[in-house]
Amino acid sequence: MSPQEIVHRVQEQAKRQAMRRAAGQWDAFPETPGALTTLPSFARLIAAPRSPAFESVLRATVADSLAGRFSALGQTWPKAQSAPWRGDAWLLDPATEKIWPGAATYAFDVEYRHNLELGDVKYVWEANRLQFLQPIALLAQNDPKLARFAIDSVLSWMDANPPFTGVNWTSGIELALRLVSIGVVVAGAGHALTPEESARFRQFIAAHASWLERFPSLYSSANNHRVAEGLGLAIAALLAPDLAGSTRRLREGRGILGAALWEQFHTDGVGVEQSPTYAAFTLEMLCVGALALRDTPFAFGPRELERLGRATSALAAMLDRNGTVPRIGDDDEGRVIGTGMIEEPRYVSSVVSLAEAVAGRTDIGSAPRDESLRDGLTAPAEVRFAPPGIAHFPSGGYTVIRDKIGETPFLLTFDHGPLGFGGIAAHGHADALSVWLHVAGTPVLVDAGTHLYHSGGPWREFFRSTAAHNTLEVAGLSQSVAAGAFNWRHKARTTLGRHDDGADWETEAHHDGYRTRLGVDHARRLKRTPSGFRIEDRLVGAEKTYPVAIRFLFHPSLSVTAENRHLRVCDGTRVLVSFVGPSGMKARHLRGEGDIIGPGWYSPSFGKRAATSCMVFEGALKAGETAVTEFEIGS
């Protein structure tokens, strides 16, 4: 931690203590009469045309909310005692069925990072983003019952969560996303607000904006949370521009959003969190902000839109023919416009579509769309993915190869980038030199996923470790070593080497994750062959022999048959890929079992894990020797 950050943290603690005096008091933000502004971008969301199929999904989701049913992040909440939710329903953890601290506890006294008894705080926060009100708001303009439900839900939340108390006032990103939901509610149901209710909504906005202004995420915390805070400040100021401090907050929020285009993306456009889904989440925040600011003096300028387009292009380069991307690093299914109650397997594609429109581009990755904020929560009906070829992202650290064998296309992604963003690399995984393979739009070689955050314990450590990724591990050690759920005490550094982008393409990189501990680097080369490609792994450095394990994890929907070093991977009766492991190495076909932590587990969504096939090749490798794995596509 730098001296500047230490000073910031000390000052932050002082401000937390000072704010304790206002805890629990909505009266600290006096009810003031005044209008609430409907943001034009949210009005377009409300008015956007919807397909009959999506309209059906939307109405089913709204019916669940009206009945007190809520599902998200792989969990189903116990049915609420009433709808709208009341009291402790806002504090309920669906996995443990226990109640988090609320109005009786000062927010910064709540221990949420390591509270195994209460559960993973992501669950209670998810419901309190109020995003389940967004579908209701979409249908509320001509339905008084839905408008009343949305308004009463917000007022109930205020009753159960007075300012600066309880678990729901502990994290700025949660407050910011709640403000976005309020903006959507105002656009869809604001016509039904009484003057007294409008004044209470203004209290809600003022309290949230005050918190965001007072407790910025800076230094090692200045990741996607900081972008959300900028968006929240801007939305709050636009919703109630006559509130004290709104002009100042609008300028600050606009400044944060503009800076994020350079701070949250590498120069080649790749997201600094080293996770495509986190890049999409950040890009969605920026797009929502850009649209909200468009008709104001604070609109994004040409240089910023160009930068937005570059980030969009980098993300689009990773889309396969079905509009999905390799799941790399953390993915907690965060959304800005949307709700966890509606699954979005093509979320990244939908954000690319929105960002393409916002940036004024028509040449990037998805079918051209309008700017109605992710088409009313739907993904594009048609995906326009990049043509065959190789895209190198030297700063972000990926090589994306699009090729085909015969008529079978494949997408191969190679990681030679940094561990993650900033000093803590919070959402990165120890996946240097990993590969991800999609064949004909079907994920084949996959990332193990995320599983859990704060309550993950040893499972969190495993899912971030080298053993959970498609790369080589030396002497049973992770190339980067975790220090808690969002930190690292040892980081591998990766370097891109020579590459040839011709028909017989090849690309090489190495990392130093084992250099200080074992005296060797790991080098990996990918090379095109007539029937597919090969992976060549080498150790570079001390002339010693080391035990190594080379692992490949498969999507659980596929069948994997193994005979010694030979494998065949099928999707039903269709063979997607066959491959042969390195000569002289022992082959083991593993599968997750019980509660045993180790290779053979896949997390399909936050909080879930499923057993799947993992092939591991184990043996001894001497520095300078090469272990070769041969892949044949569609054979």
Foldseek 3Di string as FASTA:
>chain_A
DDPVVVVVVVVLVVVLVVCVVCALDLVVQPQDFDAFDQQPLLLLLLVFDDDPVVVVVLVVLVVCQQQQWDDFQNFTADRAPHAVHAAQVLQADRVLRDGFWARVAFQVVGDQQACLNRHHVVRSLQVLLVLSLLSLLSPQQPPVVSLVRSLVSVVRVCVTHPFRTTNQNHALLSLLLSLLNVSSSCSRNVVVDDSSSSSVVLSSLVRSLVSLVSDAQDAQRCALSNLSSLLSLLSSCNRGVPDPCSVVSNVVSLVSLLVCLPQQADPQQEGQLLWLQVLLQSLLSSLVSQSSCVPDPSHDDLVSLVSLLSNLQVSLQQQDQVQAGAGAFADQPDHRNHHSRDDARNSSQLSSQQSCQSSVHCPGWAHHDHNSRSSSHHGDPGIRGDDAFWDDDQAQAKIWGWDAQPPKIKIKIFGQYWQGHHQFSFGGALAHGFMWMDINNRTWFHQQYQAGASNCVVNRQLSRFNQRTQFKDWQPHGLWHADHRGGTPATKHKHWDDWDTDPFTKTKIKICSCCVPPNWIKIWMWTADNFGIKIKIAIAGDQDKTKMKGKTWTDAQWDWDDDWQWIWIDNVPWTFKIKGWFPPWGKDKDWDDDPDDGYQWHAPGHNDIHGGIMIMTIDMHGGPDIIMMDMGGRD
